[in-house]
Amino acid sequence: MFHSITGSMDIYKTYKHNPPHLFRPRAKYFITGVIYHKQKLLQSASAKHKLIHSIHLGFNSRGWKLEEWVVLHNHYHIMAEAPQRADTLPFIIQDVHKFSAMWMKKYVKEAKRFLRIWWNYWDTCITYEKSYFARLNYLWYNPQKHALISQAENWKFGSLYYRIQNNKEYVSRLRTEYPFNLVKVKDDF
């Protein structure tokens, strides 16, 4: 399930005003995107569904395997596996943000007053299995962490809602074996 690949296909890019990115073929990535000024522009179910749809389209169009996701009121987390061309991630996120922002500016009243909808995104290339599973738990239980719901498995805007219906034992085992409370993730949204 977990592949750790290193080699000459790795690409490390730094940017003047953005975090650096390591692009590694076939690696797992934990990705976080946040709305500008932490505004809660994703509060409606329709906004969350639109973003989830855009995420699926974006990742599938570039050959990435979207494994898990969660959308909250002003940010999202994704776990995905890169294809051979991992350096396509910025283009995926650019499209996801562009198309979801266009939709929000049209249908979300509060979004109309902002020139900018999305702030940025961060990605982490996962190199250890333990780190992968801990972040997976972090993603799954994020709505509960942010006190949006008392039981994360009831949050309909994340993959845990569907995962637990099909494989409750797997989820329970991972939650016990790989606690997420020690994961250091920028998530003060």
Protein backbone atom coordinates (compact mmCIF):
# COMPACT_ATOMS: atom_id res chain seq x y z
CA MET A 1 0.00 0.00 0.00
CA PHE A 2 2.73 2.48 0.91
CA HIS A 3 5.59 3.13 -1.50
CA SER A 4 8.69 5.06 -0.57
CA ILE A 5 10.62 5.89 -3.71
CA THR A 6 13.73 7.97 -3.96
CA GLY A 7 15.94 8.62 -6.89
CA SER A 8 16.88 10.91 -9.71
CA MET A 9 13.24 11.56 -10.70
CA ASP A 10 12.73 13.74 -7.60
CA ILE A 11 12.24 17.43 -8.28
CA TYR A 12 12.65 20.01 -5.52
CA LYS A 13 11.33 23.48 -6.34
CA THR A 14 11.59 26.62 -4.26
CA TYR A 15 9.54 29.75 -4.81
CA LYS A 16 9.96 33.35 -3.72
CA HIS A 17 6.55 33.71 -2.00
CA ASN A 18 5.38 30.11 -1.58
CA PRO A 19 6.51 27.07 0.36
CA PRO A 20 9.00 24.74 -1.33
CA HIS A 21 7.73 21.54 -2.94
CA LEU A 22 9.30 18.11 -3.33
CA PHE A 23 7.85 16.28 -6.33
CA ARG A 24 8.50 12.55 -6.13
CA PRO A 25 6.98 10.04 -8.56
CA ARG A 26 4.49 7.57 -7.03
CA ALA A 27 4.81 9.17 -3.57
CA LYS A 28 1.98 9.91 -1.17
CA TYR A 29 1.11 13.55 -0.53
CA PHE A 30 -0.75 15.25 2.28
CA ILE A 31 -2.16 18.52 0.93
CA THR A 32 -3.88 21.42 2.70
CA GLY A 33 -5.58 24.38 1.02
CA VAL A 34 -7.02 27.40 2.80
CA ILE A 35 -9.43 30.22 1.95
CA TYR A 36 -8.01 33.75 1.97
CA HIS A 37 -8.13 35.38 5.43
CA LYS A 38 -9.67 32.17 6.79
CA GLN A 39 -13.13 33.29 5.65
CA LYS A 40 -15.76 30.56 5.98
CA LEU A 41 -16.82 30.60 2.35
CA LEU A 42 -17.35 26.82 2.28
CA GLN A 43 -20.06 26.74 4.94
CA SER A 44 -22.85 25.60 2.65
CA ALA A 45 -23.22 21.98 1.62
CA SER A 46 -23.34 23.03 -2.04
CA ALA A 47 -19.99 24.87 -1.75
CA LYS A 48 -18.40 21.84 -0.13
CA HIS A 49 -19.82 19.49 -2.77
CA LYS A 50 -18.59 21.77 -5.56
CA LEU A 51 -15.07 21.80 -4.10
CA ILE A 52 -15.08 18.01 -3.66
CA HIS A 53 -16.20 17.63 -7.28
CA SER A 54 -13.44 20.01 -8.45
CA ILE A 55 -10.86 18.11 -6.41
CA HIS A 56 -11.90 14.78 -7.95
CA LEU A 57 -11.83 16.22 -11.47
CA GLY A 58 -8.48 17.92 -11.00
CA PHE A 59 -6.67 14.93 -9.56
CA ASN A 60 -8.19 12.41 -11.96
CA SER A 61 -7.39 14.58 -14.99
CA ARG A 62 -3.66 14.46 -14.22
CA GLY A 63 -3.43 10.80 -13.27
CA TRP A 64 -3.20 11.27 -9.51
CA LYS A 65 -4.94 8.78 -7.22
CA LEU A 66 -7.13 10.70 -4.79
CA GLU A 67 -7.18 8.52 -1.68
CA GLU A 68 -8.86 10.57 1.04
CA TRP A 69 -10.23 14.08 1.51
CA VAL A 70 -12.11 16.33 3.89
CA VAL A 71 -13.62 19.76 3.26
CA LEU A 72 -14.35 22.09 6.17
CA HIS A 73 -15.74 25.65 6.26
CA ASN A 74 -12.52 27.37 5.18
CA HIS A 75 -9.97 24.71 4.30
CA TYR A 76 -9.47 21.20 3.03
CA HIS A 77 -7.06 18.30 3.45
CA ILE A 78 -6.25 15.70 0.82
CA MET A 79 -4.23 12.50 0.74
CA ALA A 80 -3.20 11.53 -2.79
CA GLU A 81 -0.69 9.38 -4.62
CA ALA A 82 1.35 10.98 -7.37
CA PRO A 83 1.72 9.50 -10.83
CA GLN A 84 5.10 9.37 -12.56
CA ARG A 85 4.82 13.14 -13.18
CA ALA A 86 4.45 14.43 -9.62
CA ASP A 87 5.31 17.98 -10.67
CA THR A 88 1.77 18.36 -12.03
CA LEU A 89 0.45 19.03 -8.51
CA PRO A 90 0.66 22.86 -8.72
CA PHE A 91 -1.41 22.78 -11.93
CA ILE A 92 -4.05 20.58 -10.30
CA ILE A 93 -4.35 22.88 -7.29
CA GLN A 94 -4.39 25.94 -9.54
CA ASP A 95 -7.34 24.48 -11.50
CA VAL A 96 -9.18 23.32 -8.36
CA HIS A 97 -8.81 26.76 -6.78
CA LYS A 98 -9.65 28.65 -9.98
CA PHE A 99 -12.84 26.74 -10.81
CA SER A 100 -14.11 26.53 -7.23
CA ALA A 101 -13.41 30.28 -6.76
CA MET A 102 -15.36 31.10 -9.92
CA TRP A 103 -18.27 29.05 -8.61
CA MET A 104 -18.11 30.66 -5.15
CA LYS A 105 -18.02 34.19 -6.58
CA LYS A 106 -21.17 33.37 -8.49
CA TYR A 107 -23.14 31.43 -5.85
CA VAL A 108 -21.76 32.32 -2.40
CA LYS A 109 -22.93 35.77 -1.37
CA GLU A 110 -20.03 36.42 1.04
CA ALA A 111 -17.46 35.53 -1.65
CA LYS A 112 -18.54 38.31 -3.98
CA ARG A 113 -16.84 40.99 -1.88
CA PHE A 114 -13.40 39.34 -2.07
CA LEU A 115 -10.95 39.84 -4.90
CA ARG A 116 -9.19 36.67 -3.88
CA ILE A 117 -10.80 33.43 -2.65
CA TRP A 118 -7.91 31.01 -2.02
CA TRP A 119 -4.82 31.89 -0.01
CA ASN A 120 -2.41 29.06 -0.69
CA TYR A 121 -1.79 25.37 -0.34
CA TRP A 122 0.84 23.28 1.41
CA ASP A 123 1.93 19.80 0.53
CA THR A 124 4.01 17.23 2.35
CA CYS A 125 5.65 14.37 0.52
CA ILE A 126 5.16 11.44 2.88
CA THR A 127 8.25 9.26 3.24
CA TYR A 128 7.32 7.02 6.19
CA GLU A 129 4.38 4.67 6.55
CA LYS A 130 3.76 5.72 10.16
CA SER A 131 3.60 9.37 9.09
CA TYR A 132 1.16 8.46 6.32
CA PHE A 133 -1.28 6.73 8.65
CA ALA A 134 -1.04 9.42 11.34
CA ARG A 135 -1.84 12.12 8.77
CA LEU A 136 -4.62 9.99 7.36
CA ASN A 137 -6.19 9.90 10.82
CA TYR A 138 -5.60 13.62 11.15
CA LEU A 139 -7.48 14.22 7.90
CA TRP A 140 -10.34 11.90 8.86
CA TYR A 141 -10.88 13.43 12.31
CA ASN A 142 -10.32 17.07 11.35
CA PRO A 143 -14.02 18.07 11.50
CA GLN A 144 -14.14 16.75 15.06
CA LYS A 145 -10.90 18.56 15.94
CA HIS A 146 -12.45 21.83 14.75
CA ALA A 147 -15.64 21.11 16.75
CA LEU A 148 -17.82 21.04 13.64
CA ILE A 149 -19.27 17.67 14.61
CA SER A 150 -19.08 15.37 17.62
CA GLN A 151 -18.39 12.19 15.59
CA ALA A 152 -16.07 12.66 12.58
CA GLU A 153 -17.52 9.63 10.81
CA ASN A 154 -20.82 11.55 10.46
CA TRP A 155 -19.19 14.42 8.52
CA LYS A 156 -20.59 14.00 5.01
CA PHE A 157 -17.92 16.15 3.37
CA GLY A 158 -15.03 13.78 3.91
CA SER A 159 -13.99 10.35 2.76
CA LEU A 160 -14.23 8.93 6.30
CA TYR A 161 -18.03 9.04 6.00
CA TYR A 162 -17.85 6.54 3.14
CA ARG A 163 -14.77 4.64 4.35
CA ILE A 164 -16.32 3.72 7.69
CA GLN A 165 -19.43 2.30 6.03
CA ASN A 166 -17.28 -0.13 4.03
CA ASN A 167 -14.44 -0.90 6.42
CA LYS A 168 -15.10 0.10 10.04
CA GLU A 169 -12.50 -2.35 11.43
CA TYR A 170 -9.74 -0.85 9.27
CA VAL A 171 -10.58 2.68 10.43
CA SER A 172 -10.74 1.65 14.10
CA ARG A 173 -7.41 -0.18 13.89
CA LEU A 174 -5.67 2.80 12.26
CA ARG A 175 -7.10 5.23 14.79
CA THR A 176 -5.66 3.13 17.62
CA GLU A 177 -2.29 2.30 16.04
CA TYR A 178 -1.49 5.72 14.54
CA PRO A 179 -2.75 8.54 16.77
CA PHE A 180 -2.97 11.89 15.02
CA ASN A 181 -2.69 14.16 18.05
CA LEU A 182 1.11 14.44 17.66
CA VAL A 183 1.02 15.34 13.97
CA LYS A 184 2.39 18.83 13.34
CA VAL A 185 0.20 20.29 10.59
CA LYS A 186 -0.48 23.96 9.88
CA ASP A 187 -4.19 23.97 10.70
CA ASP A 188 -5.18 27.05 12.69
CA PHE A 189 -8.12 27.79 10.47
